[in-house]
Amino acid sequence: HQGARLGLVVAIGRSKEVPQGAGRWGRAATMKDSMAEEYLQSRIQQAKQEIAKIEKRVYDAETEYFSCESSQMGTVLKGYEGFLSSKDNMRKRARTFKIEDRLFSLSSRTSPAAKEEEREAENQKSLRDSAGNKGLTKRSRSGREFKHSRSTENVGRY
């Protein structure tokens, strides 16, 4: 009976039935499968490292863009209305920017900006929780804040 001659070999998380008489060939197939799995795992790690490098470069480029002199009057993302309404002394001031300004970095969940935003949210949550124990109430959002957070919360995040 042929069913009695079948053995079970486990490879890459699933089982394969190999005839018992195959011996050497069954082991060779398993070895090839494990080598393929190792290769694919190494490629995944390489891809993750490459993505991390690219995200860091985007983060650094955004920092440079927001820190340069021309961004004091406006940015591509927010517009340049500040240039027309500003005075000379305002133009020379160093511009600060928020994490929400990093639209490109925030489009990836694994970027440094997204991780920074997560840490900030956790800190605010813990502060809110500790403030809640002291009897303080949470400030409600204005319509503008609510609309802004809703529109940028999940933009491009996959």
C-alpha atoms as a PDB file:
ATOM      1  CA  HIS A   1       0.000   0.000   0.000  1.00  0.00           C
ATOM      2  CA  GLN A   2       1.504   3.306  -1.124  1.00  0.00           C
ATOM      3  CA  GLY A   3       0.073   5.390   1.774  1.00  0.00           C
ATOM      4  CA  ALA A   4       2.142   3.401   4.291  1.00  0.00           C
ATOM      5  CA  ARG A   5       5.353   4.251   2.439  1.00  0.00           C
ATOM      6  CA  LEU A   6       4.933   8.032   2.815  1.00  0.00           C
ATOM      7  CA  GLY A   7       6.874   9.977   5.458  1.00  0.00           C
ATOM      8  CA  LEU A   8       6.432  13.538   6.666  1.00  0.00           C
ATOM      9  CA  VAL A   9       9.076  16.240   6.188  1.00  0.00           C
ATOM     10  CA  VAL A  10       8.563  19.753   7.563  1.00  0.00           C
ATOM     11  CA  ALA A  11       9.979  22.618   5.517  1.00  0.00           C
ATOM     12  CA  ILE A  12       9.374  26.375   5.606  1.00  0.00           C
ATOM     13  CA  GLY A  13       6.516  26.179   8.060  1.00  0.00           C
ATOM     14  CA  ARG A  14       4.420  23.690   6.069  1.00  0.00           C
ATOM     15  CA  SER A  15       4.495  19.936   5.724  1.00  0.00           C
ATOM     16  CA  LYS A  16       5.399  17.996   2.593  1.00  0.00           C
ATOM     17  CA  GLU A  17       4.846  14.331   2.019  1.00  0.00           C
ATOM     18  CA  VAL A  18       7.908  12.569   0.626  1.00  0.00           C
ATOM     19  CA  PRO A  19       8.102   8.867  -0.160  1.00  0.00           C
ATOM     20  CA  GLN A  20      10.175   7.079   2.488  1.00  0.00           C
ATOM     21  CA  GLY A  21      12.326   5.461  -0.133  1.00  0.00           C
ATOM     22  CA  ALA A  22      13.392   8.909  -1.356  1.00  0.00           C
ATOM     23  CA  GLY A  23      15.754   9.283   1.657  1.00  0.00           C
ATOM     24  CA  ARG A  24      18.576  11.377   0.283  1.00  0.00           C
ATOM     25  CA  TRP A  25      16.359  13.305  -2.140  1.00  0.00           C
ATOM     26  CA  GLY A  26      13.891  14.256   0.617  1.00  0.00           C
ATOM     27  CA  ARG A  27      16.727  15.674   2.723  1.00  0.00           C
ATOM     28  CA  ALA A  28      18.130  17.535  -0.283  1.00  0.00           C
ATOM     29  CA  ALA A  29      14.758  19.180  -0.936  1.00  0.00           C
ATOM     30  CA  THR A  30      14.494  20.179   2.726  1.00  0.00           C
ATOM     31  CA  MET A  31      18.027  21.598   2.640  1.00  0.00           C
ATOM     32  CA  LYS A  32      17.215  23.622  -0.493  1.00  0.00           C
ATOM     33  CA  ASP A  33      14.056  24.931   1.155  1.00  0.00           C
ATOM     34  CA  SER A  34      15.923  25.988   4.302  1.00  0.00           C
ATOM     35  CA  MET A  35      18.632  27.659   2.196  1.00  0.00           C
ATOM     36  CA  ALA A  36      15.941  29.497   0.249  1.00  0.00           C
ATOM     37  CA  GLU A  37      14.302  30.574   3.503  1.00  0.00           C
ATOM     38  CA  GLU A  38      17.631  31.858   4.876  1.00  0.00           C
ATOM     39  CA  TYR A  39      18.269  33.758   1.649  1.00  0.00           C
ATOM     40  CA  LEU A  40      14.825  35.352   1.718  1.00  0.00           C
ATOM     41  CA  GLN A  41      15.201  36.287   5.400  1.00  0.00           C
ATOM     42  CA  SER A  42      18.545  37.960   4.652  1.00  0.00           C
ATOM     43  CA  ARG A  43      16.991  39.878   1.725  1.00  0.00           C
ATOM     44  CA  ILE A  44      14.172  41.061   4.007  1.00  0.00           C
ATOM     45  CA  GLN A  45      16.727  42.307   6.550  1.00  0.00           C
ATOM     46  CA  GLN A  46      18.688  44.093   3.799  1.00  0.00           C
ATOM     47  CA  ALA A  47      15.499  45.751   2.548  1.00  0.00           C
ATOM     48  CA  LYS A  48      14.587  46.898   6.077  1.00  0.00           C
ATOM     49  CA  GLN A  49      18.059  48.390   6.542  1.00  0.00           C
ATOM     50  CA  GLU A  50      17.870  50.157   3.184  1.00  0.00           C
ATOM     51  CA  ILE A  51      14.429  51.591   4.011  1.00  0.00           C
ATOM     52  CA  ALA A  52      15.742  52.851   7.357  1.00  0.00           C
ATOM     53  CA  LYS A  53      18.648  54.607   5.581  1.00  0.00           C
ATOM     54  CA  ILE A  54      16.322  56.233   3.042  1.00  0.00           C
ATOM     55  CA  GLU A  55      13.898  57.367   5.753  1.00  0.00           C
ATOM     56  CA  LYS A  56      16.784  58.899   7.714  1.00  0.00           C
ATOM     57  CA  ARG A  57      17.940  60.786   4.595  1.00  0.00           C
ATOM     58  CA  VAL A  58      14.394  62.114   4.031  1.00  0.00           C
ATOM     59  CA  TYR A  59      14.185  63.164   7.695  1.00  0.00           C
ATOM     60  CA  ASP A  60      17.540  64.968   7.453  1.00  0.00           C
ATOM     61  CA  ALA A  61      16.530  66.660   4.177  1.00  0.00           C
ATOM     62  CA  GLU A  62      13.291  67.889   5.784  1.00  0.00           C
ATOM     63  CA  THR A  63      15.247  69.246   8.751  1.00  0.00           C
ATOM     64  CA  GLU A  64      17.599  71.082   6.399  1.00  0.00           C
ATOM     65  CA  TYR A  65      14.673  72.449   4.355  1.00  0.00           C
ATOM     66  CA  PHE A  66      12.819  73.750   7.400  1.00  0.00           C
ATOM     67  CA  SER A  67      16.014  75.227   8.865  1.00  0.00           C
ATOM     68  CA  CYS A  68      17.158  77.121   5.764  1.00  0.00           C
ATOM     69  CA  GLU A  69      16.666  80.857   5.418  1.00  0.00           C
ATOM     70  CA  SER A  70      14.070  80.701   2.660  1.00  0.00           C
ATOM     71  CA  SER A  71      11.681  78.588   4.730  1.00  0.00           C
ATOM     72  CA  GLN A  72      11.257  81.445   7.203  1.00  0.00           C
ATOM     73  CA  MET A  73       8.811  83.088   4.817  1.00  0.00           C
ATOM     74  CA  GLY A  74       6.910  79.931   3.980  1.00  0.00           C
ATOM     75  CA  THR A  75       7.224  76.429   2.622  1.00  0.00           C
ATOM     76  CA  VAL A  76       5.974  74.494  -0.353  1.00  0.00           C
ATOM     77  CA  LEU A  77       3.566  72.651   1.935  1.00  0.00           C
ATOM     78  CA  LYS A  78       2.191  75.663   3.818  1.00  0.00           C
ATOM     79  CA  GLY A  79       2.518  78.410   1.225  1.00  0.00           C
ATOM     80  CA  TYR A  80       4.473  81.663   1.054  1.00  0.00           C
ATOM     81  CA  GLU A  81       1.916  84.125   2.406  1.00  0.00           C
ATOM     82  CA  GLY A  82       4.308  84.942   5.256  1.00  0.00           C
ATOM     83  CA  PHE A  83       6.724  86.576   2.839  1.00  0.00           C
ATOM     84  CA  LEU A  84       4.248  89.253   1.772  1.00  0.00           C
ATOM     85  CA  SER A  85       3.023  90.072   5.268  1.00  0.00           C
ATOM     86  CA  SER A  86       6.355  89.973   7.130  1.00  0.00           C
ATOM     87  CA  LYS A  87       8.717  92.740   8.073  1.00  0.00           C
ATOM     88  CA  ASP A  88      12.498  92.661   7.663  1.00  0.00           C
ATOM     89  CA  ASN A  89      13.197  91.925  11.346  1.00  0.00           C
ATOM     90  CA  MET A  90      10.759  88.990  11.236  1.00  0.00           C
ATOM     91  CA  ARG A  91      12.607  87.522   8.257  1.00  0.00           C
ATOM     92  CA  LYS A  92      15.848  87.234  10.200  1.00  0.00           C
ATOM     93  CA  ARG A  93      14.349  85.230  13.065  1.00  0.00           C
ATOM     94  CA  ALA A  94      15.096  81.521  13.270  1.00  0.00           C
ATOM     95  CA  ARG A  95      12.048  79.470  12.360  1.00  0.00           C
ATOM     96  CA  THR A  96      10.869  76.639  14.551  1.00  0.00           C
ATOM     97  CA  PHE A  97       8.854  73.823  13.072  1.00  0.00           C
ATOM     98  CA  LYS A  98       6.642  71.115  14.466  1.00  0.00           C
ATOM     99  CA  ILE A  99       6.656  67.380  13.942  1.00  0.00           C
ATOM    100  CA  GLU A 100       3.401  67.773  11.975  1.00  0.00           C
ATOM    101  CA  ASP A 101       5.326  69.793   9.358  1.00  0.00           C
ATOM    102  CA  ARG A 102       7.278  66.671   8.378  1.00  0.00           C
ATOM    103  CA  LEU A 103       4.723  65.447   5.859  1.00  0.00           C
ATOM    104  CA  PHE A 104       7.125  63.225   3.924  1.00  0.00           C
ATOM    105  CA  SER A 105       8.667  61.547   6.960  1.00  0.00           C
ATOM    106  CA  LEU A 106       5.277  61.013   8.552  1.00  0.00           C
ATOM    107  CA  SER A 107       4.100  59.110   5.479  1.00  0.00           C
ATOM    108  CA  SER A 108       6.008  56.074   6.795  1.00  0.00           C
ATOM    109  CA  ARG A 109       5.331  54.452  10.169  1.00  0.00           C
ATOM    110  CA  THR A 110       8.957  53.385  10.567  1.00  0.00           C
ATOM    111  CA  SER A 111      10.592  56.772   9.929  1.00  0.00           C
ATOM    112  CA  PRO A 112      12.352  58.683  12.725  1.00  0.00           C
ATOM    113  CA  ALA A 113       9.625  61.360  12.630  1.00  0.00           C
ATOM    114  CA  ALA A 114       6.836  58.806  13.061  1.00  0.00           C
ATOM    115  CA  LYS A 115       8.675  57.225  15.983  1.00  0.00           C
ATOM    116  CA  GLU A 116       9.193  60.676  17.499  1.00  0.00           C
ATOM    117  CA  GLU A 117       5.489  61.413  17.072  1.00  0.00           C
ATOM    118  CA  GLU A 118       4.581  58.114  18.774  1.00  0.00           C
ATOM    119  CA  ARG A 119       6.862  58.926  21.732  1.00  0.00           C
ATOM    120  CA  GLU A 120       5.312  62.384  21.986  1.00  0.00           C
ATOM    121  CA  ALA A 121       1.798  60.908  21.937  1.00  0.00           C
ATOM    122  CA  GLU A 122       2.745  58.393  24.649  1.00  0.00           C
ATOM    123  CA  ASN A 123       4.217  61.185  26.788  1.00  0.00           C
ATOM    124  CA  GLN A 124       1.080  63.282  26.387  1.00  0.00           C
ATOM    125  CA  LYS A 125      -1.089  60.284  27.242  1.00  0.00           C
ATOM    126  CA  SER A 126       0.900  59.565  30.401  1.00  0.00           C
ATOM    127  CA  LEU A 127       0.740  63.249  31.368  1.00  0.00           C
ATOM    128  CA  ARG A 128      -3.010  63.236  30.758  1.00  0.00           C
ATOM    129  CA  ASP A 129      -3.397  60.081  32.819  1.00  0.00           C
ATOM    130  CA  SER A 130      -1.388  61.519  35.708  1.00  0.00           C
ATOM    131  CA  ALA A 131      -3.255  64.837  35.437  1.00  0.00           C
ATOM    132  CA  GLY A 132      -6.550  62.937  35.488  1.00  0.00           C
ATOM    133  CA  ASN A 133      -5.610  61.516  38.857  1.00  0.00           C
ATOM    134  CA  LYS A 134      -5.153  65.055  40.205  1.00  0.00           C
ATOM    135  CA  GLY A 135      -8.632  66.140  39.190  1.00  0.00           C
ATOM    136  CA  LEU A 136      -7.603  68.169  36.140  1.00  0.00           C
ATOM    137  CA  THR A 137      -9.735  67.978  33.036  1.00  0.00           C
ATOM    138  CA  LYS A 138      -8.576  67.576  29.479  1.00  0.00           C
ATOM    139  CA  ARG A 139      -8.920  70.661  27.308  1.00  0.00           C
ATOM    140  CA  SER A 140     -11.356  70.072  24.478  1.00  0.00           C
ATOM    141  CA  ARG A 141     -10.174  70.618  20.933  1.00  0.00           C
ATOM    142  CA  SER A 142     -11.353  73.555  18.937  1.00  0.00           C
ATOM    143  CA  GLY A 143     -13.017  72.899  15.596  1.00  0.00           C
ATOM    144  CA  ARG A 144      -9.850  73.899  13.745  1.00  0.00           C
ATOM    145  CA  GLU A 145      -7.615  71.588  15.792  1.00  0.00           C
ATOM    146  CA  PHE A 146     -10.029  68.707  15.356  1.00  0.00           C
ATOM    147  CA  LYS A 147     -10.263  69.256  11.606  1.00  0.00           C
ATOM    148  CA  HIS A 148      -6.452  69.530  11.288  1.00  0.00           C
ATOM    149  CA  SER A 149      -5.762  66.360  13.267  1.00  0.00           C
ATOM    150  CA  ARG A 150      -8.381  64.419  11.309  1.00  0.00           C
ATOM    151  CA  SER A 151      -7.029  65.518   7.941  1.00  0.00           C
ATOM    152  CA  THR A 152      -3.383  64.629   8.653  1.00  0.00           C
ATOM    153  CA  GLU A 153      -3.779  61.702  11.024  1.00  0.00           C
ATOM    154  CA  ASN A 154      -3.655  58.850   8.525  1.00  0.00           C
ATOM    155  CA  VAL A 155      -2.370  60.493   5.363  1.00  0.00           C
ATOM    156  CA  GLY A 156      -0.221  58.038   3.445  1.00  0.00           C
ATOM    157  CA  ARG A 157       0.335  55.631   6.326  1.00  0.00           C
ATOM    158  CA  TYR A 158       0.549  52.000   5.342  1.00  0.00           C
END
